[in-house]
N, C-alpha and C. Protein backbone atom coordinates (compact mmCIF):
# COMPACT_ATOMS: atom_id res chain seq x y z
N UNK A 1 41.76 -68.01 128.95
CA UNK A 1 41.00 -68.76 129.97
C UNK A 1 40.98 -67.84 131.21
N UNK A 2 39.74 -67.54 131.67
CA UNK A 2 39.71 -66.80 132.80
C UNK A 2 38.83 -67.63 134.05
N UNK A 3 39.63 -67.27 135.10
CA UNK A 3 39.32 -68.11 136.34
C UNK A 3 38.95 -67.01 137.46
N UNK A 4 37.62 -67.24 138.25
CA UNK A 4 37.24 -66.30 139.36
C UNK A 4 37.83 -66.97 140.63
N UNK A 5 38.64 -66.54 141.47
CA UNK A 5 39.20 -66.93 142.68
C UNK A 5 39.22 -65.75 143.61
N UNK A 6 39.07 -66.26 144.96
CA UNK A 6 39.27 -65.29 146.01
C UNK A 6 40.83 -64.98 146.09
N UNK A 7 41.30 -63.76 146.63
CA UNK A 7 42.66 -63.81 146.69
C UNK A 7 43.29 -64.42 147.89
N UNK A 8 42.53 -64.94 148.73
CA UNK A 8 43.09 -65.54 149.75
C UNK A 8 43.32 -67.13 149.58
N UNK A 9 42.80 -67.48 148.42
CA UNK A 9 42.88 -68.81 147.77
C UNK A 9 44.38 -69.09 146.95
N UNK A 10 44.79 -67.86 146.98
CA UNK A 10 46.15 -67.96 145.62
C UNK A 10 47.14 -68.22 146.59
N UNK A 11 48.40 -68.55 146.03
CA UNK A 11 49.78 -68.48 147.02
C UNK A 11 50.78 -68.29 145.99
N UNK A 12 51.81 -67.92 146.35
CA UNK A 12 53.08 -67.64 145.72
C UNK A 12 53.82 -69.09 145.33
N UNK A 13 54.10 -69.26 143.96
CA UNK A 13 54.86 -70.34 144.03
C UNK A 13 56.34 -70.23 144.28
N UNK A 14 57.06 -71.08 144.69
CA UNK A 14 58.51 -70.87 144.92
C UNK A 14 59.16 -71.28 143.66
N UNK A 15 60.01 -70.16 143.33
CA UNK A 15 60.79 -70.32 142.01
C UNK A 15 61.71 -71.36 141.98
N UNK A 16 62.11 -72.13 141.14
CA UNK A 16 62.96 -73.11 141.18
C UNK A 16 64.10 -72.67 140.02
N UNK A 17 65.30 -72.80 140.50
CA UNK A 17 66.36 -72.55 139.40
C UNK A 17 66.37 -73.57 138.26
N UNK A 18 66.45 -72.93 137.01
CA UNK A 18 66.47 -73.67 135.80
C UNK A 18 67.78 -73.39 135.19
N UNK A 19 68.13 -74.49 134.81
CA UNK A 19 69.47 -74.43 133.92
C UNK A 19 69.03 -74.08 132.49
N UNK A 20 69.88 -72.96 131.91
CA UNK A 20 69.65 -72.56 130.74
C UNK A 20 70.39 -73.36 129.54
N UNK A 21 69.94 -74.02 128.62
CA UNK A 21 70.49 -74.59 127.84
C UNK A 21 69.78 -74.17 126.35
N UNK A 22 70.92 -74.13 125.51
CA UNK A 22 70.57 -73.59 124.14
C UNK A 22 70.70 -74.93 122.98
N UNK A 23 69.63 -74.98 122.30
CA UNK A 23 69.64 -76.17 121.22
C UNK A 23 69.52 -75.66 120.05
N UNK A 24 70.59 -76.31 119.16
CA UNK A 24 70.52 -75.52 117.49
C UNK A 24 69.76 -76.64 116.95
N UNK A 25 68.88 -76.53 116.15
CA UNK A 25 68.69 -77.75 115.26
C UNK A 25 68.42 -77.26 113.81
N UNK A 26 68.57 -77.79 112.68
CA UNK A 26 68.58 -77.68 111.57
C UNK A 26 67.57 -78.38 110.91
N UNK A 27 66.48 -77.82 110.36
CA UNK A 27 65.58 -78.55 109.59
C UNK A 27 65.89 -79.01 108.32
N UNK A 28 65.76 -80.33 108.00
CA UNK A 28 66.36 -80.96 106.56
C UNK A 28 65.56 -80.33 105.45
N UNK A 29 64.45 -79.86 105.82
CA UNK A 29 63.46 -79.23 104.73
C UNK A 29 64.05 -77.75 104.24
N UNK A 30 64.64 -77.36 105.31
CA UNK A 30 65.28 -75.72 105.06
C UNK A 30 66.55 -76.19 104.15
N UNK A 31 67.23 -77.20 104.11
CA UNK A 31 68.40 -77.60 103.34
C UNK A 31 67.81 -78.13 101.97
N UNK A 32 66.82 -78.70 101.93
CA UNK A 32 66.31 -79.23 100.59
C UNK A 32 65.80 -78.17 99.83
N UNK A 33 64.97 -77.17 100.48
CA UNK A 33 64.13 -76.15 99.76
C UNK A 33 64.99 -74.87 99.53
N UNK A 34 66.30 -74.91 99.90
CA UNK A 34 67.02 -73.69 100.12
C UNK A 34 67.44 -73.19 98.44
N UNK A 35 67.40 -72.01 98.21
CA UNK A 35 67.45 -71.68 96.65
C UNK A 35 68.66 -70.91 96.86
N UNK A 36 69.60 -70.79 95.66
CA UNK A 36 70.86 -70.01 95.47
C UNK A 36 70.52 -68.69 94.90
N UNK A 37 69.37 -68.28 94.28
CA UNK A 37 68.99 -67.23 93.82
C UNK A 37 67.76 -66.79 93.79
N UNK A 38 67.69 -65.36 94.06
CA UNK A 38 66.37 -64.65 94.25
C UNK A 38 66.06 -63.64 93.31
N UNK A 39 65.05 -63.23 92.83
CA UNK A 39 64.73 -62.18 91.94
C UNK A 39 63.88 -61.07 92.54
N UNK A 40 64.53 -60.22 92.68
CA UNK A 40 64.01 -58.99 93.32
C UNK A 40 63.25 -57.94 92.56
N UNK A 41 63.50 -58.07 91.22
CA UNK A 41 63.01 -57.01 90.18
C UNK A 41 61.39 -56.60 90.43
N UNK A 42 61.49 -55.41 90.55
CA UNK A 42 60.02 -54.88 90.68
C UNK A 42 59.48 -54.53 91.93
N UNK A 43 60.47 -54.96 92.95
CA UNK A 43 60.14 -54.58 94.39
C UNK A 43 60.44 -53.21 94.76
N UNK A 44 59.69 -52.75 95.76
CA UNK A 44 60.43 -51.46 96.52
C UNK A 44 61.63 -52.08 97.27
N UNK A 45 62.45 -51.03 97.61
CA UNK A 45 63.60 -51.41 98.27
C UNK A 45 63.48 -51.83 99.63
N UNK A 46 62.32 -51.37 100.52
CA UNK A 46 62.10 -51.81 101.78
C UNK A 46 61.43 -53.51 101.66
N UNK A 47 60.80 -53.82 100.65
CA UNK A 47 60.43 -55.26 100.29
C UNK A 47 61.56 -56.01 100.19
N UNK A 48 62.40 -55.42 99.14
CA UNK A 48 63.50 -56.13 98.61
C UNK A 48 64.57 -56.57 99.87
N UNK A 49 64.85 -55.45 100.79
CA UNK A 49 65.92 -55.53 101.98
C UNK A 49 65.17 -56.83 102.84
N UNK A 50 63.93 -56.88 103.10
CA UNK A 50 63.36 -57.92 103.93
C UNK A 50 63.44 -59.35 103.05
N UNK A 51 63.33 -59.27 102.00
CA UNK A 51 63.72 -60.58 101.47
C UNK A 51 65.15 -60.93 101.19
N UNK A 52 66.03 -59.87 100.92
CA UNK A 52 67.32 -60.29 101.14
C UNK A 52 67.62 -61.04 102.63
N UNK A 53 67.14 -60.37 103.30
CA UNK A 53 67.60 -60.74 104.83
C UNK A 53 67.10 -62.37 105.11
N UNK A 54 65.84 -62.57 104.77
CA UNK A 54 65.34 -63.73 104.78
C UNK A 54 66.09 -64.81 103.76
N UNK A 55 66.49 -64.43 102.84
CA UNK A 55 67.26 -65.19 101.75
C UNK A 55 68.43 -65.59 102.31
N UNK A 56 69.46 -64.45 102.77
CA UNK A 56 70.47 -64.93 103.64
C UNK A 56 70.33 -65.97 104.91
N UNK A 57 69.49 -65.75 105.46
CA UNK A 57 69.23 -66.73 106.78
C UNK A 57 69.03 -68.07 106.20
N UNK A 58 68.15 -68.22 105.16
CA UNK A 58 67.93 -69.47 104.65
C UNK A 58 69.30 -70.07 104.25
N UNK A 59 70.12 -69.11 103.47
CA UNK A 59 71.31 -69.71 102.90
C UNK A 59 72.27 -70.34 103.93
N UNK A 60 72.27 -69.66 105.21
CA UNK A 60 73.14 -69.83 106.21
C UNK A 60 72.47 -71.07 107.07
N UNK A 61 71.20 -71.48 107.02
CA UNK A 61 70.77 -72.69 107.47
C UNK A 61 71.17 -73.81 106.49
N UNK A 62 71.18 -73.65 105.34
CA UNK A 62 71.46 -74.65 104.45
C UNK A 62 72.86 -74.76 104.03
N UNK A 63 73.78 -73.96 104.86
CA UNK A 63 75.22 -74.08 104.84
C UNK A 63 75.46 -73.78 103.44
N UNK A 64 75.02 -72.85 102.69
CA UNK A 64 75.54 -72.38 101.27
C UNK A 64 76.63 -71.51 101.42
N UNK A 65 77.65 -71.57 100.48
CA UNK A 65 78.59 -70.29 100.55
C UNK A 65 78.19 -69.23 99.46
N UNK A 66 77.52 -69.44 98.39
CA UNK A 66 77.50 -68.35 97.45
C UNK A 66 76.03 -68.09 97.31
N UNK A 67 75.38 -67.06 96.99
CA UNK A 67 73.66 -66.50 96.77
C UNK A 67 73.90 -65.69 95.66
N UNK A 68 73.01 -65.53 94.70
CA UNK A 68 72.95 -64.61 93.93
C UNK A 68 71.60 -64.04 93.85
N UNK A 69 71.84 -62.46 93.92
CA UNK A 69 70.41 -61.75 94.17
C UNK A 69 70.48 -60.80 92.79
N UNK A 70 69.16 -60.95 92.12
CA UNK A 70 68.96 -60.61 90.82
C UNK A 70 67.94 -59.39 91.19
N UNK A 71 68.70 -57.95 90.97
CA UNK A 71 67.97 -56.91 91.26
C UNK A 71 67.54 -56.05 90.06
N UNK A 72 68.19 -56.23 88.88
CA UNK A 72 68.12 -55.65 87.57
C UNK A 72 68.97 -54.47 87.42
N UNK A 73 68.99 -53.86 86.39
CA UNK A 73 69.96 -52.71 86.10
C UNK A 73 69.09 -51.30 86.33
N UNK A 74 67.95 -51.12 85.88
CA UNK A 74 66.92 -50.19 86.03
C UNK A 74 67.76 -48.79 86.54
N UNK A 75 67.10 -48.11 87.50
CA UNK A 75 67.52 -46.84 88.08
C UNK A 75 68.86 -46.94 89.00
N UNK A 76 69.09 -48.22 89.51
CA UNK A 76 70.05 -48.59 90.28
C UNK A 76 69.71 -48.29 91.72
N UNK A 77 68.60 -48.24 92.33
CA UNK A 77 68.08 -47.95 93.64
C UNK A 77 68.34 -49.36 94.17
N UNK A 78 67.79 -50.12 93.80
CA UNK A 78 68.02 -51.63 94.44
C UNK A 78 69.28 -52.06 94.69
N UNK A 79 69.91 -51.92 93.71
CA UNK A 79 71.37 -52.38 93.65
C UNK A 79 72.17 -51.44 94.86
N UNK A 80 72.05 -50.28 94.83
CA UNK A 80 72.66 -49.24 95.65
C UNK A 80 72.15 -49.64 97.24
N UNK A 81 71.00 -49.73 97.36
CA UNK A 81 70.30 -50.20 98.64
C UNK A 81 70.56 -51.69 99.24
N UNK A 82 70.88 -52.52 98.30
CA UNK A 82 71.37 -54.02 98.60
C UNK A 82 72.69 -53.77 99.08
N UNK A 83 73.66 -53.18 98.32
CA UNK A 83 75.01 -53.08 98.41
C UNK A 83 75.26 -52.51 99.88
N UNK A 84 74.69 -51.39 100.11
CA UNK A 84 74.59 -50.80 101.50
C UNK A 84 74.15 -51.66 102.53
N UNK A 85 73.27 -52.54 102.39
CA UNK A 85 72.74 -53.39 103.43
C UNK A 85 73.84 -54.35 103.67
N UNK A 86 74.48 -55.10 102.66
CA UNK A 86 75.39 -56.20 102.62
C UNK A 86 76.62 -55.75 103.33
N UNK A 87 76.99 -54.41 103.09
CA UNK A 87 78.32 -54.06 103.74
C UNK A 87 78.25 -54.17 105.25
N UNK A 88 76.97 -53.97 105.87
CA UNK A 88 77.02 -53.84 107.25
C UNK A 88 76.50 -55.21 107.76
N UNK A 89 76.03 -56.22 107.04
CA UNK A 89 75.77 -57.46 107.49
C UNK A 89 76.63 -58.46 107.90
N UNK A 90 76.53 -58.74 109.16
CA UNK A 90 77.63 -59.63 109.54
C UNK A 90 77.86 -60.96 109.38
N UNK A 91 76.93 -61.52 108.54
CA UNK A 91 77.16 -62.76 107.99
C UNK A 91 77.71 -62.82 106.56
N UNK A 92 77.78 -61.83 106.11
CA UNK A 92 78.35 -61.73 104.47
C UNK A 92 79.78 -61.32 104.55
N UNK A 93 80.61 -62.36 103.99
CA UNK A 93 82.14 -62.34 103.85
C UNK A 93 82.36 -61.40 102.75
N UNK A 94 81.73 -61.40 101.65
CA UNK A 94 82.06 -60.50 100.73
C UNK A 94 80.86 -60.47 99.60
N UNK A 95 80.99 -59.29 98.71
CA UNK A 95 79.86 -59.41 97.58
C UNK A 95 80.50 -58.72 96.54
N UNK A 96 80.00 -58.91 95.28
CA UNK A 96 80.46 -58.24 94.03
C UNK A 96 79.31 -58.19 93.23
N UNK A 97 79.59 -57.54 92.17
CA UNK A 97 78.61 -57.52 90.76
C UNK A 97 78.76 -58.71 89.99
N UNK A 98 77.75 -59.05 89.59
CA UNK A 98 78.09 -60.18 88.58
C UNK A 98 78.97 -60.06 87.32
N UNK A 99 79.58 -60.90 86.78
CA UNK A 99 80.24 -60.88 85.73
C UNK A 99 79.66 -60.96 84.35
N UNK A 100 80.31 -61.31 83.16
CA UNK A 100 79.70 -61.37 81.98
C UNK A 100 79.20 -63.08 82.09
N UNK A 101 78.02 -62.93 81.61
CA UNK A 101 77.18 -64.42 81.81
C UNK A 101 76.61 -64.59 83.10
N UNK A 102 76.81 -63.85 83.94
CA UNK A 102 76.27 -63.88 85.37
C UNK A 102 75.02 -62.80 85.49
N UNK A 103 74.97 -61.89 84.69
CA UNK A 103 74.02 -60.97 84.88
C UNK A 103 74.48 -59.54 85.04
N UNK A 104 75.88 -59.50 84.74
CA UNK A 104 76.41 -58.18 84.57
C UNK A 104 76.12 -57.21 86.08
N UNK A 105 75.80 -56.08 85.76
CA UNK A 105 75.43 -55.16 87.20
C UNK A 105 74.13 -55.30 87.60
N UNK A 106 73.10 -56.26 86.78
CA UNK A 106 72.07 -56.59 87.27
C UNK A 106 71.74 -57.43 88.24
N UNK A 107 73.12 -57.93 88.77
CA UNK A 107 73.23 -59.16 89.65
C UNK A 107 74.21 -58.93 90.67
N UNK A 108 73.94 -59.24 92.15
CA UNK A 108 74.93 -59.15 93.09
C UNK A 108 75.29 -60.54 93.43
N UNK A 109 76.33 -61.05 93.40
CA UNK A 109 76.87 -62.32 94.07
C UNK A 109 77.53 -62.06 95.51
N UNK A 110 76.69 -62.87 96.54
CA UNK A 110 77.09 -62.85 97.90
C UNK A 110 77.97 -64.15 98.34
N UNK A 111 79.19 -63.94 99.00
CA UNK A 111 79.72 -64.86 99.66
C UNK A 111 79.57 -64.80 101.13
N UNK A 112 78.96 -65.83 101.69
CA UNK A 112 78.64 -66.09 103.10
C UNK A 112 79.86 -66.47 104.03
N UNK A 113 79.87 -66.00 105.35
CA UNK A 113 80.75 -66.34 106.09
C UNK A 113 80.70 -68.13 106.64
C-alpha cells in the first residue's frame, strides 16, 4: 500500500518496551503424519541432505526416537554424504548402518536425542 503525505504531517512514534516471550507449539498433525522412514534413492546428494534435514525435524516434532534413511548401496556417495552430515548434526545421538533384515548397508538407522 502506498500513501502520499507531507513530511510535516508525520510524527515519530514512541517506542514501548515489549516483553519477549517464546511459545513452543506442537502441531498434532505433525505427530499424526510423521514417518519413520524416508527413501532417498535416485536423489543427488544436495537434494538428499535437504530431505534428511527436514525428516529429522519432523521426527523431533513427533518425538520419535529412531528414524530410517534408505539411500541404497549404489556407489556409496549418498551413504558417505549422509553419514558425514549426521556426524555434525546436534540432534542426532547416534547412527549406524542397517543390519540383516533392515537393509544392510543400503540403510542408515538414526537415533535422535
